[in-house]
Protein backbone atom coordinates (compact mmCIF):
# COMPACT_ATOMS: atom_id res chain seq x y z
CA MET A 1 7.60 9.73 -31.16
CA LYS A 2 4.65 9.49 -28.78
CA PRO A 3 3.13 12.93 -28.11
CA ALA A 4 3.35 14.37 -24.62
CA ARG A 5 0.35 13.71 -22.39
CA PRO A 6 -0.97 17.00 -20.98
CA ARG A 7 -0.96 17.35 -17.19
CA PHE A 8 -3.11 19.45 -14.88
CA TYR A 9 -1.87 20.04 -11.33
CA PHE A 10 -4.62 21.14 -9.00
CA SER A 11 -5.24 21.76 -5.31
CA PHE A 12 -8.62 21.50 -3.62
CA ARG A 13 -7.45 24.37 -1.44
CA SER A 14 -7.15 26.75 -4.38
CA PRO A 15 -10.13 28.71 -5.73
CA TYR A 16 -8.10 29.36 -8.87
CA SER A 17 -7.78 25.59 -9.37
CA TRP A 18 -11.55 25.28 -9.16
CA VAL A 19 -12.01 27.99 -11.79
CA GLY A 20 -9.35 26.36 -13.96
CA ALA A 21 -11.00 22.96 -13.60
CA ARG A 22 -14.36 24.32 -14.70
CA LYS A 23 -12.82 26.04 -17.71
CA ILE A 24 -10.98 22.89 -18.69
CA GLU A 25 -14.12 20.79 -18.26
CA ALA A 26 -15.96 23.09 -20.64
CA GLN A 27 -13.27 23.34 -23.33
CA PHE A 28 -10.83 20.43 -23.23
CA PRO A 29 -11.12 17.92 -26.13
CA HIS A 30 -11.65 14.90 -23.86
CA HIS A 31 -12.87 12.81 -26.79
CA ARG A 32 -9.48 13.06 -28.50
CA LEU A 33 -6.84 13.41 -25.83
CA SER A 34 -6.54 12.33 -22.20
CA LEU A 35 -5.59 14.86 -19.54
CA GLU A 36 -3.79 13.69 -16.42
CA TYR A 37 -5.22 15.24 -13.25
CA LEU A 38 -2.54 15.42 -10.54
CA PRO A 39 -3.12 16.63 -6.96
CA TYR A 40 -0.75 19.16 -5.41
CA TRP A 41 -0.85 19.96 -1.72
CA GLU A 42 1.21 21.03 1.28
CA PRO A 43 2.74 17.73 2.44
CA GLU A 44 2.79 16.61 6.04
CA PRO A 45 6.28 16.24 7.61
CA GLU A 46 6.56 12.50 6.86
CA THR A 47 5.63 12.95 3.21
CA LEU A 48 7.93 15.95 2.86
CA ALA A 49 10.80 13.95 4.37
CA GLU A 50 10.29 11.19 1.80
CA LEU A 51 10.14 13.75 -1.01
CA THR A 52 13.33 15.42 0.22
CA ALA A 53 15.07 12.05 0.52
CA ARG A 54 14.45 11.55 -3.20
CA GLY A 55 16.09 14.89 -3.95
CA GLY A 56 12.81 16.70 -4.47
CA GLU A 57 11.40 19.88 -2.98
CA PHE A 58 8.00 21.43 -2.44
CA LEU A 59 8.37 24.67 -4.38
CA TYR A 60 5.21 26.46 -3.22
CA ARG A 61 5.81 29.12 -0.57
CA PRO A 62 3.24 30.41 1.96
CA MET A 63 1.72 33.75 1.01
CA SER A 64 1.48 36.91 3.04
CA GLN A 65 -1.74 38.10 4.66
CA ALA A 66 -1.84 41.00 2.19
CA ARG A 67 -1.79 38.58 -0.72
CA GLN A 68 -4.48 36.42 0.91
CA LEU A 69 -6.76 39.45 1.21
CA TYR A 70 -6.08 40.37 -2.40
CA ILE A 71 -6.95 36.85 -3.54
CA LEU A 72 -10.26 37.03 -1.71
CA GLN A 73 -11.18 40.15 -3.71
CA ASP A 74 -9.75 38.83 -6.96
CA VAL A 75 -11.54 35.51 -6.78
CA LYS A 76 -14.88 37.16 -6.06
CA ARG A 77 -14.40 39.33 -9.16
CA ILE A 78 -13.64 36.26 -11.26
CA TRP A 79 -16.63 34.36 -9.90
CA SER A 80 -18.91 37.31 -10.62
CA LYS A 81 -17.58 37.71 -14.16
CA LEU A 82 -18.03 34.01 -14.92
CA GLY A 83 -21.42 33.81 -13.24
CA TYR A 84 -20.36 31.18 -10.70
CA ARG A 85 -22.43 30.59 -7.59
CA ALA A 86 -19.87 30.05 -4.85
CA ALA A 87 -19.35 30.09 -1.11
CA TRP A 88 -16.07 30.89 0.60
CA PRO A 89 -15.23 28.02 2.99
CA VAL A 90 -13.83 28.33 6.50
CA ASP A 91 -11.07 25.80 7.13
CA GLY A 92 -10.09 24.35 10.48
CA GLU A 93 -7.30 25.84 12.57
CA SER A 94 -4.65 23.39 11.31
CA PRO A 95 -6.06 21.87 8.12
CA CYS A 96 -4.48 18.65 6.84
CA TRP A 97 -4.48 18.94 3.07
CA GLU A 98 -3.19 15.41 2.68
CA LEU A 99 -6.64 14.14 3.70
CA PRO A 100 -8.62 15.14 0.56
CA HIS A 101 -5.70 14.77 -1.86
CA MET A 102 -4.63 11.30 -0.70
CA ALA A 103 -8.32 10.37 -0.69
CA TYR A 104 -8.40 11.47 -4.34
CA LEU A 105 -5.58 9.02 -5.09
CA HIS A 106 -7.59 6.26 -3.39
CA ALA A 107 -10.67 7.19 -5.43
CA ARG A 108 -8.53 7.08 -8.57
CA ARG A 109 -7.52 3.51 -7.73
CA CYS A 110 -11.20 2.68 -7.45
CA GLY A 111 -11.89 4.22 -10.85
CA ARG A 112 -13.96 6.99 -9.25
CA ASP A 113 -11.49 9.86 -9.38
CA ARG A 114 -13.63 12.01 -11.67
CA GLU A 115 -16.70 11.73 -9.44
CA PHE A 116 -14.68 12.34 -6.28
CA PHE A 117 -12.86 15.27 -7.89
CA TRP A 118 -16.08 17.16 -8.64
CA ALA A 119 -17.78 16.17 -5.38
CA VAL A 120 -14.95 17.72 -3.37
CA TRP A 121 -15.04 20.88 -5.48
CA ARG A 122 -18.78 21.21 -4.96
CA ALA A 123 -18.46 20.66 -1.22
CA ARG A 124 -15.71 23.25 -0.83
CA TRP A 125 -16.53 26.03 -3.26
CA GLU A 126 -20.27 25.71 -3.74
CA GLN A 127 -21.34 24.61 -0.26
CA GLY A 128 -18.55 26.20 1.79
CA ARG A 129 -17.71 22.97 3.63
CA ASP A 130 -14.34 22.10 5.19
CA VAL A 131 -12.90 19.35 2.99
CA THR A 132 -10.03 18.80 5.42
CA ASP A 133 -12.59 17.51 7.91
CA VAL A 134 -12.82 13.72 8.09
CA ALA A 135 -16.62 13.92 8.38
CA THR A 136 -16.85 15.83 5.08
CA ILE A 137 -14.67 13.36 3.18
CA ALA A 138 -16.53 10.42 4.72
CA ALA A 139 -19.87 11.91 3.64
CA ILE A 140 -18.58 12.48 0.11
CA GLY A 141 -17.37 8.88 -0.04
CA THR A 142 -20.66 7.53 1.22
CA GLY A 143 -22.54 9.56 -1.36
CA LEU A 144 -20.38 8.08 -4.12
CA GLY A 145 -20.60 4.52 -2.87
CA LEU A 146 -16.94 4.50 -1.78
CA ASP A 147 -15.74 3.11 1.53
CA PRO A 148 -15.59 6.22 3.75
CA ILE A 149 -13.09 4.63 6.15
CA ALA A 150 -10.70 3.70 3.35
CA LEU A 151 -10.97 7.22 1.92
CA CYS A 152 -10.23 8.90 5.24
CA ASP A 153 -7.39 6.51 6.03
CA ALA A 154 -5.80 6.75 2.58
CA ARG A 155 -3.06 9.07 3.82
CA ARG A 156 -1.98 6.34 6.27
CA ASP A 157 -1.82 3.65 3.58
CA PRO A 158 1.92 3.15 2.77
CA SER A 159 1.28 2.40 -0.92
CA ILE A 160 -0.92 5.46 -1.40
CA ARG A 161 1.55 7.61 0.52
CA GLN A 162 4.25 6.40 -1.86
CA GLU A 163 2.00 7.27 -4.78
CA GLY A 164 1.53 10.72 -3.27
CA VAL A 165 5.29 11.19 -2.94
CA ASP A 166 5.63 10.15 -6.60
CA VAL A 167 3.08 12.80 -7.62
CA LEU A 168 4.89 15.51 -5.66
CA TRP A 169 8.19 14.34 -7.10
CA HIS A 170 6.85 14.75 -10.63
CA ALA A 171 5.50 18.17 -9.64
CA TYR A 172 9.01 19.10 -8.52
CA ARG A 173 10.45 17.85 -11.81
CA ASP A 174 7.82 19.90 -13.66
CA ALA A 175 8.83 22.94 -11.55
CA VAL A 176 5.30 23.40 -10.21
CA PHE A 177 5.25 26.34 -7.80
CA GLY A 178 1.54 27.18 -7.77
CA VAL A 179 -1.79 25.97 -9.07
CA PRO A 180 -3.50 25.50 -11.36
CA PHE A 181 -0.46 24.47 -13.38
CA PHE A 182 -0.64 22.92 -16.84
CA VAL A 183 2.16 21.06 -18.61
CA LEU A 184 2.38 19.93 -22.21
CA GLY A 185 5.81 18.59 -23.08
CA TYR A 186 8.22 21.44 -22.43
CA GLU A 187 5.46 24.07 -22.35
CA LYS A 188 4.14 25.22 -18.97
CA PHE A 189 1.20 27.41 -18.06
CA TRP A 190 0.41 28.78 -14.61
CA GLY A 191 -2.95 30.16 -13.53
CA GLN A 192 -6.60 29.91 -14.48
CA ASP A 193 -6.07 32.79 -16.89
CA ARG A 194 -3.68 30.60 -18.93
CA VAL A 195 -6.23 27.92 -19.74
CA ASP A 196 -6.84 29.30 -23.24
CA GLU A 197 -3.11 29.34 -24.03
CA PHE A 198 -2.77 25.79 -22.72
CA LEU A 199 -5.68 24.64 -24.89
CA GLU A 200 -4.17 26.35 -27.92
CA ALA A 201 -1.02 24.31 -27.35
CA VAL A 202 -3.09 21.13 -27.02
CA HIS A 203 -4.91 21.85 -30.27
CA ARG A 204 -1.59 22.55 -32.01
CA GLN A 205 -0.42 19.11 -30.90
CA LEU A 206 -3.61 17.52 -32.17
CA GLY A 207 -3.16 19.29 -35.49
CA GLN A 208 0.41 18.07 -35.79
CA GLU A 209 -0.70 14.52 -35.04
CA ALA A 210 -3.38 14.73 -37.72
CA ALA A 211 -0.82 16.01 -40.25
CA CYS A 212 1.55 13.10 -39.65
CA PRO A 213 1.25 10.21 -42.09
CA ALA A 214 -0.18 7.01 -40.66
């Protein structure tokens, strides 16, 4: 039986996703096992309608102001403990999170998902830029040698939108309700503080594979 491919659901909006991504980058055995990076974002009405039509649901729920203020304090503590240099971004009044996440799917088609992934993280959490701004995404694309117009228009591309609905559908099937969220077979791990447990499960799988006769 083919072993389960581990999955990492992330959101560029989430500071915890950024922390989780950095931890994974430092510890994941990339040389032995591929990890699927899957975007997770608040869908626009059209995307949500398509997801709902398939019987899916977006399980994340908006947080209270009190929780938002707590997260601000909590994240700063985590950054300080880990020694991260970071800047808290200021988003626009009505940010469209489909813009950077659909652009990520376009970059993935171009074989540049890894570069785009880290460029957006740097822009948002190290430089404090608004990654829901078309100008920011266009500049990132230009810097990577990607077509900035195609990146910014990715959310209007029917095939990419369908791909985005597929990703959110799989997130629903995986019962993703927050990020970062890690899945390995039937095992699920939520939060940047569960990275070590997730990696332990990955290494157990690798050990089981090594123990199986060829």
